[in-house]
Amino acid sequence: MKSLSLYGFILSLISIATALYNQIVYVGAYHANECKTFSRQVCTDTHEMQVMLGIIAMVAAAASQILCFIPESKKKTILNFFGILLGIFGFLFGLAQATHLFDVTGYFSHP
């Protein structure tokens, strides 16, 4: 059961790292108005990568929550707690990025 906790915790860290990379590199590109200066193909590629990395962060976070929750029901450890907590944050980051939940530019809401 300890190995499940460790795998879940590592997966939650990967989820957070993916979400932060996506937020810094791809989501920030739209707020810097790069889509208005580059070609449509570059803008579309950036959008597709943003959605894909958001989905990867969501799936990794959901898997980490499952891997940390299974041993949590038998033995409560601090590794499980932090794995579940980081998994929730990773899932919310991925959800916000993949679904454009916090799109303040309005770029994706008006095609």
N, C-alpha and C. Protein backbone atom coordinates (compact mmCIF):
# COMPACT_ATOMS: atom_id res chain seq x y z
N MET A 1 0.81 -1.19 0.00
CA MET A 1 0.00 0.00 0.00
C MET A 1 0.86 1.27 0.00
N LYS A 2 2.06 1.17 0.57
CA LYS A 2 2.92 2.34 0.59
C LYS A 2 3.38 2.70 -0.82
N SER A 3 3.57 1.70 -1.66
CA SER A 3 3.99 1.99 -3.03
C SER A 3 2.88 2.71 -3.80
N LEU A 4 1.61 2.35 -3.54
CA LEU A 4 0.51 3.06 -4.18
C LEU A 4 0.50 4.52 -3.75
N SER A 5 0.75 4.75 -2.47
CA SER A 5 0.79 6.13 -1.97
C SER A 5 1.91 6.91 -2.64
N LEU A 6 3.05 6.29 -2.77
CA LEU A 6 4.20 6.96 -3.38
C LEU A 6 3.94 7.25 -4.85
N TYR A 7 3.39 6.29 -5.58
CA TYR A 7 3.08 6.50 -6.99
C TYR A 7 2.02 7.60 -7.15
N GLY A 8 1.02 7.59 -6.30
CA GLY A 8 -0.01 8.63 -6.36
C GLY A 8 0.54 10.00 -6.06
N PHE A 9 1.43 10.09 -5.07
CA PHE A 9 2.03 11.38 -4.73
C PHE A 9 2.90 11.90 -5.87
N ILE A 10 3.70 11.02 -6.47
CA ILE A 10 4.54 11.43 -7.60
C ILE A 10 3.69 11.85 -8.79
N LEU A 11 2.60 11.13 -9.02
CA LEU A 11 1.70 11.49 -10.11
C LEU A 11 1.02 12.84 -9.86
N SER A 12 0.71 13.13 -8.61
CA SER A 12 0.12 14.44 -8.31
C SER A 12 1.13 15.55 -8.51
N LEU A 13 2.40 15.30 -8.20
CA LEU A 13 3.45 16.30 -8.46
C LEU A 13 3.62 16.53 -9.96
N ILE A 14 3.54 15.45 -10.75
CA ILE A 14 3.63 15.58 -12.21
C ILE A 14 2.44 16.38 -12.74
N SER A 15 1.27 16.15 -12.17
CA SER A 15 0.08 16.89 -12.57
C SER A 15 0.23 18.38 -12.29
N ILE A 16 0.72 18.72 -11.11
CA ILE A 16 0.92 20.13 -10.76
C ILE A 16 1.99 20.75 -11.67
N ALA A 17 3.07 20.02 -11.93
CA ALA A 17 4.14 20.54 -12.79
C ALA A 17 3.63 20.78 -14.21
N THR A 18 2.82 19.87 -14.73
CA THR A 18 2.25 20.04 -16.07
C THR A 18 1.33 21.25 -16.12
N ALA A 19 0.50 21.40 -15.09
CA ALA A 19 -0.43 22.53 -15.06
C ALA A 19 0.31 23.86 -14.94
N LEU A 20 1.36 23.90 -14.13
CA LEU A 20 2.12 25.14 -14.00
C LEU A 20 2.88 25.48 -15.28
N TYR A 21 3.44 24.48 -15.93
CA TYR A 21 4.12 24.70 -17.22
C TYR A 21 3.13 25.24 -18.25
N ASN A 22 1.96 24.65 -18.29
CA ASN A 22 0.93 25.09 -19.22
C ASN A 22 0.52 26.53 -18.91
N GLN A 23 0.36 26.85 -17.65
CA GLN A 23 -0.06 28.19 -17.27
C GLN A 23 0.99 29.23 -17.63
N ILE A 24 2.24 28.91 -17.41
CA ILE A 24 3.31 29.88 -17.67
C ILE A 24 3.58 30.05 -19.16
N VAL A 25 3.61 28.94 -19.90
CA VAL A 25 4.03 29.01 -21.30
C VAL A 25 2.86 29.27 -22.25
N TYR A 26 1.82 28.46 -22.20
CA TYR A 26 0.78 28.52 -23.22
C TYR A 26 -0.37 29.46 -22.88
N VAL A 27 -0.80 29.47 -21.64
CA VAL A 27 -1.90 30.36 -21.27
C VAL A 27 -1.41 31.80 -21.28
N GLY A 28 -0.18 32.01 -20.86
CA GLY A 28 0.38 33.35 -20.86
C GLY A 28 0.55 33.93 -22.26
N ALA A 29 0.63 33.09 -23.27
CA ALA A 29 0.77 33.56 -24.65
C ALA A 29 -0.45 34.36 -25.09
N TYR A 30 -1.62 33.98 -24.63
CA TYR A 30 -2.83 34.69 -25.01
C TYR A 30 -2.96 36.01 -24.28
N HIS A 31 -2.51 36.05 -23.05
CA HIS A 31 -2.60 37.29 -22.29
C HIS A 31 -1.57 38.31 -22.77
N ALA A 32 -0.55 37.87 -23.46
CA ALA A 32 0.44 38.78 -24.04
C ALA A 32 0.05 39.19 -25.46
N ASN A 33 -1.16 38.82 -25.88
CA ASN A 33 -1.70 39.15 -27.21
C ASN A 33 -0.84 38.60 -28.34
N GLU A 34 -0.22 37.45 -28.14
CA GLU A 34 0.58 36.86 -29.19
C GLU A 34 -0.27 36.32 -30.33
N CYS A 35 -1.52 36.00 -30.06
CA CYS A 35 -2.37 35.47 -31.12
C CYS A 35 -2.74 36.55 -32.13
N LYS A 36 -2.66 37.79 -31.73
CA LYS A 36 -2.97 38.87 -32.67
C LYS A 36 -1.77 39.22 -33.54
N THR A 37 -0.58 38.81 -33.12
CA THR A 37 0.61 39.15 -33.90
C THR A 37 1.12 37.99 -34.74
N PHE A 38 0.84 36.76 -34.34
CA PHE A 38 1.31 35.60 -35.09
C PHE A 38 0.24 35.12 -36.06
N SER A 39 0.59 34.14 -36.87
CA SER A 39 -0.36 33.61 -37.84
C SER A 39 -1.43 32.76 -37.14
N ARG A 40 -2.46 32.46 -37.88
CA ARG A 40 -3.57 31.68 -37.34
C ARG A 40 -3.13 30.26 -36.98
N GLN A 41 -2.20 29.69 -37.75
CA GLN A 41 -1.72 28.34 -37.49
C GLN A 41 -0.99 28.27 -36.16
N VAL A 42 -0.15 29.26 -35.87
CA VAL A 42 0.57 29.28 -34.59
C VAL A 42 -0.41 29.42 -33.44
N CYS A 43 -1.42 30.25 -33.64
CA CYS A 43 -2.44 30.45 -32.61
C CYS A 43 -3.23 29.17 -32.37
N THR A 44 -3.59 28.46 -33.43
CA THR A 44 -4.32 27.21 -33.29
C THR A 44 -3.47 26.14 -32.62
N ASP A 45 -2.20 26.06 -32.99
CA ASP A 45 -1.31 25.08 -32.36
C ASP A 45 -1.15 25.36 -30.87
N THR A 46 -1.03 26.63 -30.50
CA THR A 46 -0.91 26.99 -29.09
C THR A 46 -2.18 26.63 -28.34
N HIS A 47 -3.33 26.86 -28.96
CA HIS A 47 -4.60 26.51 -28.32
C HIS A 47 -4.72 25.01 -28.12
N GLU A 48 -4.37 24.23 -29.14
CA GLU A 48 -4.45 22.78 -29.03
C GLU A 48 -3.51 22.24 -27.96
N MET A 49 -2.31 22.81 -27.86
CA MET A 49 -1.36 22.38 -26.84
C MET A 49 -1.86 22.75 -25.45
N GLN A 50 -2.48 23.91 -25.32
CA GLN A 50 -3.03 24.33 -24.03
C GLN A 50 -4.11 23.37 -23.57
N VAL A 51 -5.00 22.99 -24.45
CA VAL A 51 -6.07 22.07 -24.10
C VAL A 51 -5.51 20.69 -23.79
N MET A 52 -4.55 20.22 -24.60
CA MET A 52 -3.99 18.89 -24.38
C MET A 52 -3.26 18.81 -23.04
N LEU A 53 -2.46 19.82 -22.71
CA LEU A 53 -1.76 19.80 -21.42
C LEU A 53 -2.73 19.92 -20.25
N GLY A 54 -3.82 20.65 -20.44
CA GLY A 54 -4.84 20.73 -19.40
C GLY A 54 -5.51 19.38 -19.17
N ILE A 55 -5.78 18.66 -20.24
CA ILE A 55 -6.38 17.33 -20.12
C ILE A 55 -5.41 16.35 -19.48
N ILE A 56 -4.12 16.44 -19.84
CA ILE A 56 -3.11 15.57 -19.22
C ILE A 56 -3.03 15.84 -17.73
N ALA A 57 -3.07 17.11 -17.34
CA ALA A 57 -3.04 17.46 -15.92
C ALA A 57 -4.27 16.92 -15.19
N MET A 58 -5.44 17.00 -15.83
CA MET A 58 -6.67 16.49 -15.21
C MET A 58 -6.61 14.98 -15.02
N VAL A 59 -6.19 14.26 -16.05
CA VAL A 59 -6.16 12.79 -15.97
C VAL A 59 -5.12 12.33 -14.96
N ALA A 60 -3.95 12.96 -14.96
CA ALA A 60 -2.92 12.59 -13.99
C ALA A 60 -3.37 12.88 -12.57
N ALA A 61 -4.06 13.99 -12.37
CA ALA A 61 -4.54 14.33 -11.03
C ALA A 61 -5.63 13.35 -10.58
N ALA A 62 -6.52 12.98 -11.49
CA ALA A 62 -7.57 12.03 -11.12
C ALA A 62 -6.97 10.66 -10.78
N ALA A 63 -5.98 10.23 -11.55
CA ALA A 63 -5.32 8.96 -11.25
C ALA A 63 -4.56 9.02 -9.93
N SER A 64 -3.95 10.16 -9.64
CA SER A 64 -3.22 10.28 -8.37
C SER A 64 -4.17 10.27 -7.19
N GLN A 65 -5.34 10.85 -7.35
CA GLN A 65 -6.32 10.82 -6.27
C GLN A 65 -6.80 9.40 -6.00
N ILE A 66 -7.00 8.64 -7.05
CA ILE A 66 -7.42 7.25 -6.87
C ILE A 66 -6.31 6.44 -6.21
N LEU A 67 -5.07 6.63 -6.68
CA LEU A 67 -3.96 5.88 -6.10
C LEU A 67 -3.69 6.26 -4.65
N CYS A 68 -3.97 7.48 -4.27
CA CYS A 68 -3.76 7.88 -2.87
C CYS A 68 -4.97 7.58 -2.00
N PHE A 69 -6.15 7.50 -2.59
CA PHE A 69 -7.35 7.27 -1.79
C PHE A 69 -7.51 5.80 -1.39
N ILE A 70 -7.04 4.88 -2.22
CA ILE A 70 -7.15 3.45 -1.90
C ILE A 70 -6.41 3.11 -0.61
N PRO A 71 -5.14 3.50 -0.45
CA PRO A 71 -4.48 3.20 0.83
C PRO A 71 -4.97 4.08 1.98
N GLU A 72 -5.57 5.22 1.67
CA GLU A 72 -6.06 6.11 2.73
C GLU A 72 -7.20 5.47 3.52
N SER A 73 -7.98 4.62 2.86
CA SER A 73 -9.10 3.97 3.55
C SER A 73 -8.61 2.95 4.57
N LYS A 74 -7.40 2.41 4.39
CA LYS A 74 -6.89 1.41 5.32
C LYS A 74 -5.97 2.01 6.37
N LYS A 75 -5.08 2.89 5.94
CA LYS A 75 -4.13 3.49 6.87
C LYS A 75 -3.91 4.94 6.48
N LYS A 76 -4.19 5.82 7.39
CA LYS A 76 -4.07 7.24 7.11
C LYS A 76 -2.63 7.69 7.32
N THR A 77 -2.01 8.16 6.24
CA THR A 77 -0.64 8.66 6.31
C THR A 77 -0.59 10.07 5.73
N ILE A 78 0.48 10.76 6.04
CA ILE A 78 0.64 12.13 5.56
C ILE A 78 0.89 12.17 4.05
N LEU A 79 1.51 11.12 3.50
CA LEU A 79 1.77 11.05 2.07
C LEU A 79 0.45 10.96 1.29
N ASN A 80 -0.49 10.18 1.81
CA ASN A 80 -1.80 10.08 1.16
C ASN A 80 -2.52 11.42 1.19
N PHE A 81 -2.45 12.08 2.34
CA PHE A 81 -3.14 13.37 2.49
C PHE A 81 -2.62 14.39 1.48
N PHE A 82 -1.30 14.51 1.40
CA PHE A 82 -0.73 15.48 0.47
C PHE A 82 -0.91 15.05 -0.99
N GLY A 83 -0.93 13.77 -1.25
CA GLY A 83 -1.20 13.30 -2.61
C GLY A 83 -2.61 13.65 -3.06
N ILE A 84 -3.58 13.47 -2.16
CA ILE A 84 -4.96 13.83 -2.48
C ILE A 84 -5.11 15.34 -2.63
N LEU A 85 -4.48 16.09 -1.73
CA LEU A 85 -4.57 17.55 -1.77
C LEU A 85 -3.94 18.12 -3.05
N LEU A 86 -2.75 17.66 -3.38
CA LEU A 86 -2.11 18.12 -4.62
C LEU A 86 -2.88 17.65 -5.85
N GLY A 87 -3.49 16.47 -5.76
CA GLY A 87 -4.31 15.98 -6.86
C GLY A 87 -5.53 16.85 -7.11
N ILE A 88 -6.13 17.35 -6.04
CA ILE A 88 -7.27 18.26 -6.19
C ILE A 88 -6.84 19.55 -6.87
N PHE A 89 -5.71 20.11 -6.42
CA PHE A 89 -5.21 21.33 -7.05
C PHE A 89 -4.84 21.10 -8.51
N GLY A 90 -4.19 19.99 -8.81
CA GLY A 90 -3.84 19.68 -10.19
C GLY A 90 -5.07 19.50 -11.07
N PHE A 91 -6.10 18.87 -10.51
CA PHE A 91 -7.34 18.68 -11.26
C PHE A 91 -8.02 20.01 -11.55
N LEU A 92 -8.05 20.89 -10.56
CA LEU A 92 -8.68 22.20 -10.77
C LEU A 92 -7.89 23.06 -11.76
N PHE A 93 -6.55 23.01 -11.68
CA PHE A 93 -5.74 23.73 -12.66
C PHE A 93 -6.00 23.20 -14.06
N GLY A 94 -5.99 21.89 -14.23
CA GLY A 94 -6.23 21.30 -15.54
C GLY A 94 -7.62 21.59 -16.06
N LEU A 95 -8.60 21.57 -15.16
CA LEU A 95 -9.98 21.86 -15.55
C LEU A 95 -10.11 23.30 -16.02
N ALA A 96 -9.47 24.20 -15.32
CA ALA A 96 -9.54 25.62 -15.71
C ALA A 96 -8.84 25.86 -17.04
N GLN A 97 -7.76 25.14 -17.31
CA GLN A 97 -7.01 25.37 -18.54
C GLN A 97 -7.63 24.66 -19.73
N ALA A 98 -8.14 23.48 -19.54
CA ALA A 98 -8.68 22.72 -20.67
C ALA A 98 -10.06 23.21 -21.09
N THR A 99 -10.81 23.78 -20.16
CA THR A 99 -12.16 24.23 -20.49
C THR A 99 -12.26 25.74 -20.61
N HIS A 100 -11.15 26.44 -20.46
CA HIS A 100 -11.10 27.91 -20.53
C HIS A 100 -12.04 28.53 -19.50
N LEU A 101 -12.04 27.98 -18.32
CA LEU A 101 -12.92 28.44 -17.26
C LEU A 101 -12.60 29.86 -16.84
N PHE A 102 -11.32 30.21 -16.84
CA PHE A 102 -10.90 31.54 -16.42
C PHE A 102 -10.29 32.31 -17.59
N ASP A 103 -10.95 32.30 -18.72
CA ASP A 103 -10.45 32.99 -19.90
C ASP A 103 -10.88 34.45 -19.83
N VAL A 104 -10.01 35.31 -19.38
CA VAL A 104 -10.36 36.72 -19.20
C VAL A 104 -10.23 37.50 -20.50
N THR A 105 -9.55 36.95 -21.50
CA THR A 105 -9.36 37.68 -22.75
C THR A 105 -10.60 37.63 -23.63
N GLY A 106 -11.44 36.61 -23.45
CA GLY A 106 -12.61 36.46 -24.30
C GLY A 106 -12.27 35.93 -25.68
N TYR A 107 -11.02 35.49 -25.85
CA TYR A 107 -10.58 35.04 -27.17
C TYR A 107 -11.32 33.79 -27.62
N PHE A 108 -11.55 32.86 -26.70
CA PHE A 108 -12.16 31.59 -27.07
C PHE A 108 -13.67 31.60 -26.96
N SER A 109 -14.24 32.62 -26.36
CA SER A 109 -15.69 32.63 -26.20
C SER A 109 -16.40 33.17 -27.44
N HIS A 110 -15.68 33.90 -28.30
CA HIS A 110 -16.27 34.45 -29.52
C HIS A 110 -15.46 33.98 -30.73
N PRO A 111 -15.93 32.91 -31.40
CA PRO A 111 -15.15 32.37 -32.53
C PRO A 111 -15.13 33.25 -33.74
